[in-house]
C-alpha atoms as a PDB file:
ATOM      1  CA  UNK A   1      -6.647  13.229   4.573  1.00  0.00           C
ATOM      2  CA  UNK A   2      -4.129  12.125   6.686  1.00  0.00           C
ATOM      3  CA  UNK A   3      -5.719  11.599  10.271  1.00  0.00           C
ATOM      4  CA  UNK A   4      -3.533  11.639  12.972  1.00  0.00           C
ATOM      5  CA  UNK A   5      -3.955  11.388  17.204  1.00  0.00           C
ATOM      6  CA  UNK A   6      -5.468  14.542  18.129  1.00  0.00           C
ATOM      7  CA  UNK A   7      -3.185  17.056  19.034  1.00  0.00           C
ATOM      8  CA  UNK A   8      -0.439  15.409  16.926  1.00  0.00           C
ATOM      9  CA  UNK A   9       0.203  16.626  13.720  1.00  0.00           C
ATOM     10  CA  UNK A  10       2.253  14.361  10.897  1.00  0.00           C
ATOM     11  CA  UNK A  11       4.708  17.769  10.824  1.00  0.00           C
ATOM     12  CA  UNK A  12       5.436  16.598  14.810  1.00  0.00           C
ATOM     13  CA  UNK A  13       6.678  12.986  13.668  1.00  0.00           C
ATOM     14  CA  UNK A  14       8.692  13.815  10.908  1.00  0.00           C
ATOM     15  CA  UNK A  15      10.759  16.093  13.342  1.00  0.00           C
ATOM     16  CA  UNK A  16      10.871  13.781  16.023  1.00  0.00           C
ATOM     17  CA  UNK A  17      12.590  10.956  13.798  1.00  0.00           C
ATOM     18  CA  UNK A  18      14.591  13.668  11.538  1.00  0.00           C
ATOM     19  CA  UNK A  19      17.396  15.258  12.358  1.00  0.00           C
ATOM     20  CA  UNK A  20      17.104  18.516  13.641  1.00  0.00           C
ATOM     21  CA  UNK A  21      19.648  19.910  11.271  1.00  0.00           C
ATOM     22  CA  UNK A  22      18.422  21.209   8.037  1.00  0.00           C
ATOM     23  CA  UNK A  23      19.806  19.137   4.837  1.00  0.00           C
ATOM     24  CA  UNK A  24      20.761  15.427   5.080  1.00  0.00           C
ATOM     25  CA  UNK A  25      23.075  14.156   8.198  1.00  0.00           C
ATOM     26  CA  UNK A  26      25.927  12.310   7.886  1.00  0.00           C
ATOM     27  CA  UNK A  27      25.475   8.263   8.311  1.00  0.00           C
ATOM     28  CA  UNK A  28      27.352   7.292  11.330  1.00  0.00           C
ATOM     29  CA  UNK A  29      30.279   5.379  10.402  1.00  0.00           C
ATOM     30  CA  UNK A  30      30.669   2.921  13.146  1.00  0.00           C
ATOM     31  CA  UNK A  31      28.594   0.498  14.944  1.00  0.00           C
ATOM     32  CA  UNK A  32      28.218   1.881  18.391  1.00  0.00           C
ATOM     33  CA  UNK A  33      27.480   5.329  16.519  1.00  0.00           C
ATOM     34  CA  UNK A  34      24.750   3.806  14.561  1.00  0.00           C
ATOM     35  CA  UNK A  35      23.067   1.897  17.570  1.00  0.00           C
ATOM     36  CA  UNK A  36      22.883   4.899  19.982  1.00  0.00           C
ATOM     37  CA  UNK A  37      21.480   7.114  16.532  1.00  0.00           C
ATOM     38  CA  UNK A  38      18.851   4.645  16.337  1.00  0.00           C
ATOM     39  CA  UNK A  39      18.057   4.441  20.082  1.00  0.00           C
ATOM     40  CA  UNK A  40      18.167   8.326  20.332  1.00  0.00           C
ATOM     41  CA  UNK A  41      15.316   8.388  17.649  1.00  0.00           C
ATOM     42  CA  UNK A  42      13.553   5.819  19.405  1.00  0.00           C
ATOM     43  CA  UNK A  43      13.344   8.078  22.377  1.00  0.00           C
ATOM     44  CA  UNK A  44      12.323  11.143  20.358  1.00  0.00           C
ATOM     45  CA  UNK A  45       9.372   9.267  18.890  1.00  0.00           C
ATOM     46  CA  UNK A  46       8.204   8.097  22.285  1.00  0.00           C
ATOM     47  CA  UNK A  47       8.244  11.570  23.649  1.00  0.00           C
ATOM     48  CA  UNK A  48       6.592  12.701  20.572  1.00  0.00           C
ATOM     49  CA  UNK A  49       3.698  10.194  21.243  1.00  0.00           C
ATOM     50  CA  UNK A  50       3.510  11.338  25.353  1.00  0.00           C
ATOM     51  CA  UNK A  51       3.083  14.877  24.004  1.00  0.00           C
ATOM     52  CA  UNK A  52       0.165  13.938  21.851  1.00  0.00           C
ATOM     53  CA  UNK A  53      -1.742  11.863  24.356  1.00  0.00           C
ATOM     54  CA  UNK A  54      -0.779  14.940  27.196  1.00  0.00           C
ATOM     55  CA  UNK A  55      -2.613  17.393  24.232  1.00  0.00           C
ATOM     56  CA  UNK A  56      -5.216  14.927  23.498  1.00  0.00           C
ATOM     57  CA  UNK A  57      -7.218  16.294  26.394  1.00  0.00           C
ATOM     58  CA  UNK A  58      -8.731  12.470  27.162  1.00  0.00           C
ATOM     59  CA  UNK A  59     -10.417  11.978  31.012  1.00  0.00           C
ATOM     60  CA  UNK A  60      -8.546  10.428  33.929  1.00  0.00           C
ATOM     61  CA  UNK A  61      -8.190   6.572  33.197  1.00  0.00           C
ATOM     62  CA  UNK A  62      -8.697   3.899  36.054  1.00  0.00           C
ATOM     63  CA  UNK A  63      -5.661   2.266  37.229  1.00  0.00           C
ATOM     64  CA  UNK A  64      -3.784   0.126  34.606  1.00  0.00           C
ATOM     65  CA  UNK A  65      -3.678  -3.060  36.422  1.00  0.00           C
ATOM     66  CA  UNK A  66      -8.285  -2.756  36.037  1.00  0.00           C
ATOM     67  CA  UNK A  67      -8.115  -2.273  32.166  1.00  0.00           C
ATOM     68  CA  UNK A  68      -5.063  -4.061  31.020  1.00  0.00           C
ATOM     69  CA  UNK A  69      -5.391  -7.853  32.529  1.00  0.00           C
ATOM     70  CA  UNK A  70      -3.817 -10.708  30.001  1.00  0.00           C
ATOM     71  CA  UNK A  71      -5.029 -10.666  26.353  1.00  0.00           C
ATOM     72  CA  UNK A  72      -7.854 -12.874  25.509  1.00  0.00           C
ATOM     73  CA  UNK A  73      -6.585 -12.950  22.028  1.00  0.00           C
ATOM     74  CA  UNK A  74      -3.491 -11.121  20.832  1.00  0.00           C
ATOM     75  CA  UNK A  75      -2.350 -10.987  16.974  1.00  0.00           C
ATOM     76  CA  UNK A  76       1.170  -9.175  15.913  1.00  0.00           C
ATOM     77  CA  UNK A  77       3.077  -8.090  13.165  1.00  0.00           C
ATOM     78  CA  UNK A  78       6.830  -7.405  13.144  1.00  0.00           C
ATOM     79  CA  UNK A  79       8.941  -6.051  11.076  1.00  0.00           C
ATOM     80  CA  UNK A  80      12.916  -6.396  11.553  1.00  0.00           C
ATOM     81  CA  UNK A  81      15.351  -4.304   9.414  1.00  0.00           C
ATOM     82  CA  UNK A  82      17.954  -5.697   7.680  1.00  0.00           C
ATOM     83  CA  UNK A  83      21.688  -6.162   9.508  1.00  0.00           C
ATOM     84  CA  UNK A  84      24.753  -6.914   8.962  1.00  0.00           C
ATOM     85  CA  UNK A  85      26.773 -10.237  10.288  1.00  0.00           C
ATOM     86  CA  UNK A  86      29.815 -10.199  12.022  1.00  0.00           C
ATOM     87  CA  UNK A  87      30.898 -13.084   9.905  1.00  0.00           C
ATOM     88  CA  UNK A  88      31.253 -14.074   6.763  1.00  0.00           C
ATOM     89  CA  UNK A  89      31.946 -10.490   5.146  1.00  0.00           C
ATOM     90  CA  UNK A  90      29.070  -8.878   3.410  1.00  0.00           C
ATOM     91  CA  UNK A  91      26.528 -11.184   5.091  1.00  0.00           C
ATOM     92  CA  UNK A  92      22.894  -9.701   6.065  1.00  0.00           C
ATOM     93  CA  UNK A  93      19.644 -10.736   7.073  1.00  0.00           C
ATOM     94  CA  UNK A  94      16.404  -9.236   7.743  1.00  0.00           C
ATOM     95  CA  UNK A  95      13.117 -10.131   8.885  1.00  0.00           C
ATOM     96  CA  UNK A  96       9.345 -10.749   9.807  1.00  0.00           C
ATOM     97  CA  UNK A  97       7.201 -11.920  12.525  1.00  0.00           C
ATOM     98  CA  UNK A  98       3.352 -13.290  12.844  1.00  0.00           C
ATOM     99  CA  UNK A  99       2.171 -14.207  15.887  1.00  0.00           C
ATOM    100  CA  UNK A 100      -1.401 -15.453  17.228  1.00  0.00           C
ATOM    101  CA  UNK A 101      -1.814 -16.366  20.987  1.00  0.00           C
ATOM    102  CA  UNK A 102      -4.845 -17.460  22.843  1.00  0.00           C
ATOM    103  CA  UNK A 103      -5.086 -16.945  26.693  1.00  0.00           C
ATOM    104  CA  UNK A 104      -5.473 -20.299  28.595  1.00  0.00           C
ATOM    105  CA  UNK A 105      -9.322 -20.944  29.113  1.00  0.00           C
ATOM    106  CA  UNK A 106     -10.682 -23.668  31.479  1.00  0.00           C
ATOM    107  CA  UNK A 107     -11.056 -26.500  30.254  1.00  0.00           C
ATOM    108  CA  UNK A 108     -13.905 -26.837  32.255  1.00  0.00           C
ATOM    109  CA  UNK A 109     -16.291 -24.453  33.398  1.00  0.00           C
ATOM    110  CA  UNK A 110     -15.384 -25.143  36.978  1.00  0.00           C
ATOM    111  CA  UNK A 111     -11.923 -23.964  36.440  1.00  0.00           C
ATOM    112  CA  UNK A 112      -8.945 -25.996  36.901  1.00  0.00           C
ATOM    113  CA  UNK A 113      -7.001 -26.919  34.156  1.00  0.00           C
ATOM    114  CA  UNK A 114      -6.736 -24.261  31.610  1.00  0.00           C
ATOM    115  CA  UNK A 115      -5.641 -24.840  27.966  1.00  0.00           C
ATOM    116  CA  UNK A 116      -4.311 -21.849  25.350  1.00  0.00           C
ATOM    117  CA  UNK A 117      -2.918 -21.898  22.008  1.00  0.00           C
ATOM    118  CA  UNK A 118       0.363 -19.767  21.303  1.00  0.00           C
ATOM    119  CA  UNK A 119       1.595 -19.821  17.130  1.00  0.00           C
ATOM    120  CA  UNK A 120       4.405 -17.979  15.593  1.00  0.00           C
ATOM    121  CA  UNK A 121       5.750 -17.522  11.942  1.00  0.00           C
ATOM    122  CA  UNK A 122       9.866 -16.242  11.257  1.00  0.00           C
ATOM    123  CA  UNK A 123      10.490 -15.329   7.724  1.00  0.00           C
ATOM    124  CA  UNK A 124      14.189 -14.597   7.458  1.00  0.00           C
ATOM    125  CA  UNK A 125      16.039 -13.626   3.993  1.00  0.00           C
ATOM    126  CA  UNK A 126      19.542 -14.112   4.089  1.00  0.00           C
ATOM    127  CA  UNK A 127      22.302 -12.465   1.789  1.00  0.00           C
ATOM    128  CA  UNK A 128      25.999 -13.452   1.715  1.00  0.00           C
ATOM    129  CA  UNK A 129      25.099 -16.805   3.054  1.00  0.00           C
ATOM    130  CA  UNK A 130      23.227 -19.785   2.368  1.00  0.00           C
ATOM    131  CA  UNK A 131      21.228 -19.674   5.405  1.00  0.00           C
ATOM    132  CA  UNK A 132      18.431 -22.802   5.842  1.00  0.00           C
ATOM    133  CA  UNK A 133      16.195 -21.068   8.574  1.00  0.00           C
ATOM    134  CA  UNK A 134      14.387 -19.172   6.570  1.00  0.00           C
ATOM    135  CA  UNK A 135      10.725 -19.887   7.640  1.00  0.00           C
ATOM    136  CA  UNK A 136      10.747 -21.201  11.332  1.00  0.00           C
ATOM    137  CA  UNK A 137       6.969 -22.239  12.918  1.00  0.00           C
ATOM    138  CA  UNK A 138       6.785 -22.680  16.777  1.00  0.00           C
ATOM    139  CA  UNK A 139       2.941 -24.014  18.279  1.00  0.00           C
ATOM    140  CA  UNK A 140       2.642 -24.498  21.896  1.00  0.00           C
ATOM    141  CA  UNK A 141      -0.077 -25.640  23.570  1.00  0.00           C
ATOM    142  CA  UNK A 142      -0.003 -23.771  26.937  1.00  0.00           C
ATOM    143  CA  UNK A 143      -1.446 -26.209  30.215  1.00  0.00           C
ATOM    144  CA  UNK A 144      -2.132 -23.899  33.123  1.00  0.00           C
ATOM    145  CA  UNK A 145      -3.430 -24.289  36.506  1.00  0.00           C
ATOM    146  CA  UNK A 146      -3.820 -21.530  39.336  1.00  0.00           C
ATOM    147  CA  UNK A 147      -4.806 -21.281  42.770  1.00  0.00           C
ATOM    148  CA  UNK A 148      -5.603 -18.219  44.400  1.00  0.00           C
ATOM    149  CA  UNK A 149      -6.844 -17.010  47.928  1.00  0.00           C
ATOM    150  CA  UNK A 150      -5.695 -14.294  50.811  1.00  0.00           C
ATOM    151  CA  UNK A 151      -4.251 -11.811  48.486  1.00  0.00           C
ATOM    152  CA  UNK A 152      -1.666 -14.251  46.777  1.00  0.00           C
ATOM    153  CA  UNK A 153      -1.901 -16.623  43.517  1.00  0.00           C
ATOM    154  CA  UNK A 154       0.067 -18.744  42.116  1.00  0.00           C
ATOM    155  CA  UNK A 155       0.500 -20.444  38.410  1.00  0.00           C
ATOM    156  CA  UNK A 156       2.166 -23.363  36.994  1.00  0.00           C
ATOM    157  CA  UNK A 157       2.351 -23.692  33.677  1.00  0.00           C
ATOM    158  CA  UNK A 158       3.501 -26.442  31.027  1.00  0.00           C
ATOM    159  CA  UNK A 159       4.034 -25.519  27.213  1.00  0.00           C
ATOM    160  CA  UNK A 160       4.356 -28.456  25.056  1.00  0.00           C
ATOM    161  CA  UNK A 161       4.750 -27.615  21.196  1.00  0.00           C
ATOM    162  CA  UNK A 162       6.823 -27.414  18.402  1.00  0.00           C
ATOM    163  CA  UNK A 163       9.405 -25.601  16.901  1.00  0.00           C
ATOM    164  CA  UNK A 164      10.748 -26.297  13.369  1.00  0.00           C
ATOM    165  CA  UNK A 165      11.009 -25.334   9.680  1.00  0.00           C
ATOM    166  CA  UNK A 166       8.580 -24.930   7.064  1.00  0.00           C
ATOM    167  CA  UNK A 167       9.433 -28.285   5.273  1.00  0.00           C
ATOM    168  CA  UNK A 168       8.412 -30.414   8.563  1.00  0.00           C
ATOM    169  CA  UNK A 169       6.200 -27.967   9.928  1.00  0.00           C
ATOM    170  CA  UNK A 170       3.889 -28.374   6.793  1.00  0.00           C
ATOM    171  CA  UNK A 171       4.439 -32.076   6.679  1.00  0.00           C
ATOM    172  CA  UNK A 172       3.954 -33.701  10.317  1.00  0.00           C
ATOM    173  CA  UNK A 173       4.899 -37.090   9.198  1.00  0.00           C
ATOM    174  CA  UNK A 174       8.319 -35.850   9.057  1.00  0.00           C
ATOM    175  CA  UNK A 175       8.596 -34.553  12.618  1.00  0.00           C
ATOM    176  CA  UNK A 176      10.788 -36.546  14.992  1.00  0.00           C
ATOM    177  CA  UNK A 177      11.716 -35.848  18.534  1.00  0.00           C
ATOM    178  CA  UNK A 178      14.389 -32.890  18.092  1.00  0.00           C
ATOM    179  CA  UNK A 179      11.775 -30.847  16.787  1.00  0.00           C
ATOM    180  CA  UNK A 180       9.365 -31.325  20.196  1.00  0.00           C
ATOM    181  CA  UNK A 181       9.993 -28.715  22.972  1.00  0.00           C
ATOM    182  CA  UNK A 182       8.494 -28.485  26.550  1.00  0.00           C
ATOM    183  CA  UNK A 183       8.826 -25.266  28.245  1.00  0.00           C
ATOM    184  CA  UNK A 184       7.195 -23.824  31.796  1.00  0.00           C
ATOM    185  CA  UNK A 185       7.193 -22.028  34.460  1.00  0.00           C
ATOM    186  CA  UNK A 186       6.406 -21.459  38.571  1.00  0.00           C
ATOM    187  CA  UNK A 187       5.194 -18.066  39.535  1.00  0.00           C
ATOM    188  CA  UNK A 188       3.686 -16.568  42.564  1.00  0.00           C
ATOM    189  CA  UNK A 189       2.074 -13.522  43.336  1.00  0.00           C
ATOM    190  CA  UNK A 190       1.179 -11.558  46.376  1.00  0.00           C
ATOM    191  CA  UNK A 191       0.063  -8.335  46.849  1.00  0.00           C
ATOM    192  CA  UNK A 192       0.040  -6.216  50.202  1.00  0.00           C
ATOM    193  CA  UNK A 193      -2.502  -3.733  51.323  1.00  0.00           C
ATOM    194  CA  UNK A 194      -2.060  -0.493  49.425  1.00  0.00           C
ATOM    195  CA  UNK A 195       1.035  -1.508  48.442  1.00  0.00           C
ATOM    196  CA  UNK A 196       3.148  -3.347  45.123  1.00  0.00           C
ATOM    197  CA  UNK A 197       2.400  -6.842  43.590  1.00  0.00           C
ATOM    198  CA  UNK A 198       5.392  -9.059  44.710  1.00  0.00           C
ATOM    199  CA  UNK A 199       6.108 -11.380  41.830  1.00  0.00           C
ATOM    200  CA  UNK A 200       8.537 -14.372  42.320  1.00  0.00           C
ATOM    201  CA  UNK A 201       9.269 -17.739  40.515  1.00  0.00           C
ATOM    202  CA  UNK A 202      11.305 -19.518  37.851  1.00  0.00           C
ATOM    203  CA  UNK A 203      11.048 -20.055  34.235  1.00  0.00           C
ATOM    204  CA  UNK A 204      12.775 -23.104  31.875  1.00  0.00           C
ATOM    205  CA  UNK A 205      12.618 -22.047  28.038  1.00  0.00           C
ATOM    206  CA  UNK A 206      14.281 -20.327  25.477  1.00  0.00           C
ATOM    207  CA  UNK A 207      14.233 -17.083  25.706  1.00  0.00           C
ATOM    208  CA  UNK A 208      17.942 -16.725  25.802  1.00  0.00           C
ATOM    209  CA  UNK A 209      18.780 -19.075  22.981  1.00  0.00           C
ATOM    210  CA  UNK A 210      19.794 -22.042  24.595  1.00  0.00           C
ATOM    211  CA  UNK A 211      17.140 -23.341  27.067  1.00  0.00           C
ATOM    212  CA  UNK A 212      17.741 -22.354  30.692  1.00  0.00           C
ATOM    213  CA  UNK A 213      16.189 -22.024  33.893  1.00  0.00           C
ATOM    214  CA  UNK A 214      16.168 -18.337  35.527  1.00  0.00           C
ATOM    215  CA  UNK A 215      14.501 -16.275  37.895  1.00  0.00           C
ATOM    216  CA  UNK A 216      11.437 -14.579  37.317  1.00  0.00           C
ATOM    217  CA  UNK A 217      11.465 -11.786  40.515  1.00  0.00           C
ATOM    218  CA  UNK A 218      10.261  -8.186  41.526  1.00  0.00           C
ATOM    219  CA  UNK A 219       7.429  -5.730  41.647  1.00  0.00           C
ATOM    220  CA  UNK A 220       4.219  -4.438  40.073  1.00  0.00           C
ATOM    221  CA  UNK A 221       3.919  -1.073  41.096  1.00  0.00           C
ATOM    222  CA  UNK A 222       1.076   2.067  40.379  1.00  0.00           C
ATOM    223  CA  UNK A 223       2.558   5.113  41.824  1.00  0.00           C
ATOM    224  CA  UNK A 224      -0.874   6.630  40.451  1.00  0.00           C
ATOM    225  CA  UNK A 225      -3.711   6.103  38.825  1.00  0.00           C
ATOM    226  CA  UNK A 226      -2.726   6.736  35.272  1.00  0.00           C
ATOM    227  CA  UNK A 227       1.381   4.696  36.057  1.00  0.00           C
ATOM    228  CA  UNK A 228       1.868   1.286  35.721  1.00  0.00           C
ATOM    229  CA  UNK A 229       6.012   0.281  36.825  1.00  0.00           C
ATOM    230  CA  UNK A 230       6.513  -3.570  36.091  1.00  0.00           C
ATOM    231  CA  UNK A 231      10.020  -3.389  38.256  1.00  0.00           C
ATOM    232  CA  UNK A 232      10.535  -7.311  36.660  1.00  0.00           C
ATOM    233  CA  UNK A 233      13.239  -9.565  35.488  1.00  0.00           C
ATOM    234  CA  UNK A 234      13.373 -10.432  32.587  1.00  0.00           C
ATOM    235  CA  UNK A 235      10.643  -8.207  31.326  1.00  0.00           C
ATOM    236  CA  UNK A 236      10.438  -4.823  32.777  1.00  0.00           C
ATOM    237  CA  UNK A 237       8.175  -2.070  31.584  1.00  0.00           C
ATOM    238  CA  UNK A 238       6.628   1.473  31.950  1.00  0.00           C
ATOM    239  CA  UNK A 239       3.647   2.281  31.229  1.00  0.00           C
ATOM    240  CA  UNK A 240       1.538   5.541  31.080  1.00  0.00           C
ATOM    241  CA  UNK A 241      -1.907   6.222  30.336  1.00  0.00           C
ATOM    242  CA  UNK A 242      -3.019  10.097  29.647  1.00  0.00           C
ATOM    243  CA  UNK A 243      -6.605   8.907  29.074  1.00  0.00           C
ATOM    244  CA  UNK A 244      -9.257   6.285  29.382  1.00  0.00           C
ATOM    245  CA  UNK A 245      -8.714   4.729  25.243  1.00  0.00           C
ATOM    246  CA  UNK A 246      -4.637   5.551  25.100  1.00  0.00           C
ATOM    247  CA  UNK A 247      -1.756   3.804  26.806  1.00  0.00           C
ATOM    248  CA  UNK A 248       2.063   4.676  25.968  1.00  0.00           C
ATOM    249  CA  UNK A 249       4.806   2.561  27.477  1.00  0.00           C
ATOM    250  CA  UNK A 250       8.750   1.304  27.156  1.00  0.00           C
ATOM    251  CA  UNK A 251       9.669  -2.189  27.345  1.00  0.00           C
ATOM    252  CA  UNK A 252      11.997  -4.608  27.102  1.00  0.00           C
ATOM    253  CA  UNK A 253      12.611  -8.673  26.959  1.00  0.00           C
ATOM    254  CA  UNK A 254      14.875 -11.453  25.707  1.00  0.00           C
ATOM    255  CA  UNK A 255      13.983 -12.437  21.965  1.00  0.00           C
ATOM    256  CA  UNK A 256      16.013 -15.555  21.813  1.00  0.00           C
ATOM    257  CA  UNK A 257      14.868 -18.940  20.387  1.00  0.00           C
ATOM    258  CA  UNK A 258      15.493 -22.309  19.094  1.00  0.00           C
ATOM    259  CA  UNK A 259      14.225 -24.244  16.129  1.00  0.00           C
ATOM    260  CA  UNK A 260      15.082 -27.369  14.469  1.00  0.00           C
ATOM    261  CA  UNK A 261      15.355 -27.193  10.689  1.00  0.00           C
ATOM    262  CA  UNK A 262      15.649 -29.826   7.854  1.00  0.00           C
ATOM    263  CA  UNK A 263      18.142 -29.095   5.194  1.00  0.00           C
ATOM    264  CA  UNK A 264      17.078 -29.760   1.518  1.00  0.00           C
ATOM    265  CA  UNK A 265      20.276 -30.039   0.744  1.00  0.00           C
ATOM    266  CA  UNK A 266      21.922 -32.235   3.640  1.00  0.00           C
ATOM    267  CA  UNK A 267      18.686 -33.929   3.868  1.00  0.00           C
ATOM    268  CA  UNK A 268      19.473 -33.841   7.471  1.00  0.00           C
ATOM    269  CA  UNK A 269      18.502 -32.065  10.381  1.00  0.00           C
ATOM    270  CA  UNK A 270      20.369 -28.850  11.766  1.00  0.00           C
ATOM    271  CA  UNK A 271      19.968 -26.557  14.580  1.00  0.00           C
ATOM    272  CA  UNK A 272      19.353 -22.783  14.441  1.00  0.00           C
ATOM    273  CA  UNK A 273      19.428 -20.504  17.718  1.00  0.00           C
ATOM    274  CA  UNK A 274      19.053 -16.702  18.227  1.00  0.00           C
ATOM    275  CA  UNK A 275      20.093 -14.762  21.155  1.00  0.00           C
ATOM    276  CA  UNK A 276      18.776 -11.018  21.518  1.00  0.00           C
ATOM    277  CA  UNK A 277      17.379  -8.716  24.109  1.00  0.00           C
ATOM    278  CA  UNK A 278      14.319  -6.146  22.516  1.00  0.00           C
ATOM    279  CA  UNK A 279      13.617  -2.685  23.380  1.00  0.00           C
ATOM    280  CA  UNK A 280      10.285  -1.250  22.259  1.00  0.00           C
ATOM    281  CA  UNK A 281       8.391   1.919  22.561  1.00  0.00           C
ATOM    282  CA  UNK A 282       4.853   1.271  22.066  1.00  0.00           C
ATOM    283  CA  UNK A 283       1.359   2.723  21.825  1.00  0.00           C
ATOM    284  CA  UNK A 284      -2.163   1.273  22.208  1.00  0.00           C
ATOM    285  CA  UNK A 285      -5.551   2.870  21.340  1.00  0.00           C
ATOM    286  CA  UNK A 286      -9.027   1.348  22.161  1.00  0.00           C
ATOM    287  CA  UNK A 287     -11.109   1.067  19.418  1.00  0.00           C
ATOM    288  CA  UNK A 288     -14.502   0.000  21.946  1.00  0.00           C
ATOM    289  CA  UNK A 289     -15.889  -3.293  22.763  1.00  0.00           C
ATOM    290  CA  UNK A 290     -12.298  -4.115  24.818  1.00  0.00           C
ATOM    291  CA  UNK A 291     -10.668  -4.480  21.340  1.00  0.00           C
ATOM    292  CA  UNK A 292      -6.819  -2.234  21.126  1.00  0.00           C
ATOM    293  CA  UNK A 293      -4.962  -1.300  18.218  1.00  0.00           C
ATOM    294  CA  UNK A 294      -1.420  -1.621  19.150  1.00  0.00           C
ATOM    295  CA  UNK A 295       1.913   0.285  17.240  1.00  0.00           C
ATOM    296  CA  UNK A 296       5.292  -0.573  18.477  1.00  0.00           C
ATOM    297  CA  UNK A 297       9.092   0.504  17.696  1.00  0.00           C
ATOM    298  CA  UNK A 298      12.140  -0.208  18.968  1.00  0.00           C
ATOM    299  CA  UNK A 299      15.679  -1.597  18.700  1.00  0.00           C
ATOM    300  CA  UNK A 300      16.995  -5.516  18.807  1.00  0.00           C
ATOM    301  CA  UNK A 301      20.388  -5.594  20.064  1.00  0.00           C
ATOM    302  CA  UNK A 302      22.907  -7.829  21.696  1.00  0.00           C
ATOM    303  CA  UNK A 303      22.348 -10.113  19.084  1.00  0.00           C
ATOM    304  CA  UNK A 304      23.909 -13.410  17.622  1.00  0.00           C
ATOM    305  CA  UNK A 305      23.158 -16.482  15.776  1.00  0.00           C
ATOM    306  CA  UNK A 306      24.032 -20.073  15.486  1.00  0.00           C
ATOM    307  CA  UNK A 307      22.968 -21.137  11.651  1.00  0.00           C
ATOM    308  CA  UNK A 308      24.407 -23.786   9.707  1.00  0.00           C
ATOM    309  CA  UNK A 309      24.793 -23.156   5.681  1.00  0.00           C
ATOM    310  CA  UNK A 310      23.773 -25.382   2.998  1.00  0.00           C
ATOM    311  CA  UNK A 311      27.187 -27.269   3.118  1.00  0.00           C
ATOM    312  CA  UNK A 312      26.519 -27.908   6.917  1.00  0.00           C
ATOM    313  CA  UNK A 313      28.666 -25.603   7.909  1.00  0.00           C
ATOM    314  CA  UNK A 314      28.282 -24.257  12.086  1.00  0.00           C
ATOM    315  CA  UNK A 315      28.317 -20.612  11.778  1.00  0.00           C
ATOM    316  CA  UNK A 316      28.291 -18.681  15.395  1.00  0.00           C
ATOM    317  CA  UNK A 317      28.190 -14.999  14.787  1.00  0.00           C
ATOM    318  CA  UNK A 318      26.730 -11.271  15.956  1.00  0.00           C
ATOM    319  CA  UNK A 319      24.721  -9.188  14.141  1.00  0.00           C
ATOM    320  CA  UNK A 320      24.435  -5.520  14.505  1.00  0.00           C
ATOM    321  CA  UNK A 321      21.811  -4.192  16.313  1.00  0.00           C
ATOM    322  CA  UNK A 322      18.226  -4.040  13.966  1.00  0.00           C
ATOM    323  CA  UNK A 323      14.840  -1.498  13.948  1.00  0.00           C
ATOM    324  CA  UNK A 324      11.977  -3.038  14.859  1.00  0.00           C
ATOM    325  CA  UNK A 325       8.299  -1.903  14.162  1.00  0.00           C
ATOM    326  CA  UNK A 326       5.060  -3.492  14.716  1.00  0.00           C
ATOM    327  CA  UNK A 327       1.218  -3.351  14.488  1.00  0.00           C
ATOM    328  CA  UNK A 328      -1.164  -5.524  16.528  1.00  0.00           C
ATOM    329  CA  UNK A 329      -4.775  -6.383  17.611  1.00  0.00           C
ATOM    330  CA  UNK A 330      -5.953  -7.680  21.393  1.00  0.00           C
ATOM    331  CA  UNK A 331      -8.972  -8.382  22.660  1.00  0.00           C
ATOM    332  CA  UNK A 332      -9.353  -7.942  26.314  1.00  0.00           C
ATOM    333  CA  UNK A 333     -10.877  -9.827  28.416  1.00  0.00           C
END
C-alpha cells in the first residue's frame, strides 16, 4: 500500500508533474523552452504540496523562527540530472552530492569560540569529454565567535579546510598549499520590537565559483505565525507552515565551488570551478524528537564549468539547466 501525506493522493502528484493534455506531450526543442517547461512543472509540484498541507487539517504552528533554528546536525543527498555542455559538441554531465554539517558548538562550556564540521562529496559522470573532476571533496572546520545583547548580535566565522579530488583526499601526504582554502564571514543582526530582523554583513568564499567578497544584506520577516520571509541576498526564501509538523517553502542560492584536482594522466594539479544558481521547492516533516525529514526539488541554472581534460586542455563552457532532487534529515536544536 502506497502511503502519502494526509489529504494528498498519488494521483494529485502525477497530475502535478504531468502535462494536462492526454497522451504524450511533445518535448520542447530549444534550451529556453525546456527550462521553462521544467520550471512550470516544479511550480505545479509545490502548489500541489501546499494544497496537501492545507488539507491535512493540522493545528496552527508557532512562529517559524521559534521552531527552526540552525540545525545541530544535517545530512543530505542531492541528485543533479544530466545536462549537455555547450562545448565540445555532444558532451554531457550528471552528478550526485552528499553533505554532512555539524553546527558549531561551544569549545568550552562557557561559550566563546565554537567549532563545527562541514563535509560534502560531489560525484560527476562525464560523457563526450575526458574530464578529471569526477570525485570531489570539501572538508571544513568552521570556527565561530559570537556576541549578543540589547536585541543585537554579531558573528565572525572562519572556515579553514581543503577542497580537492579523491586521489588526494584519500592520501593526505599528497596535499599541498593549493588544496587548502580559507573562507569566512562577518554578520550582524538586530531586531526592533514587533518588527523584522535586519541582517547586514560580508562574506568571502566560492559560492559564485571564483573566490570573491560579497554583501549579505536584507531582513527576515514574520507576517504571521505560519509565515517566514527571508528577503536576503544572496539566499532568499519563503516558508509556510500549515501545521506543527509540516513546513513548505521556496528558496534560491548560489551553488558554485572550486576544487584542486590531481590529474592521473598528467600527474599534476588542475583546477575545477563551477558556477550556478539553484532554486528549489521543499517540504519537511517532523518525525518527533526534533528530527525532521526533508524533500526538495528544483532547477539549477546559469551554469558554467571551468574544467581541464586529461590532455591538460582548459575547457570553459556553459551548460543547460538541470533538475535537482534531494532528501535529507536534520536534528534541530
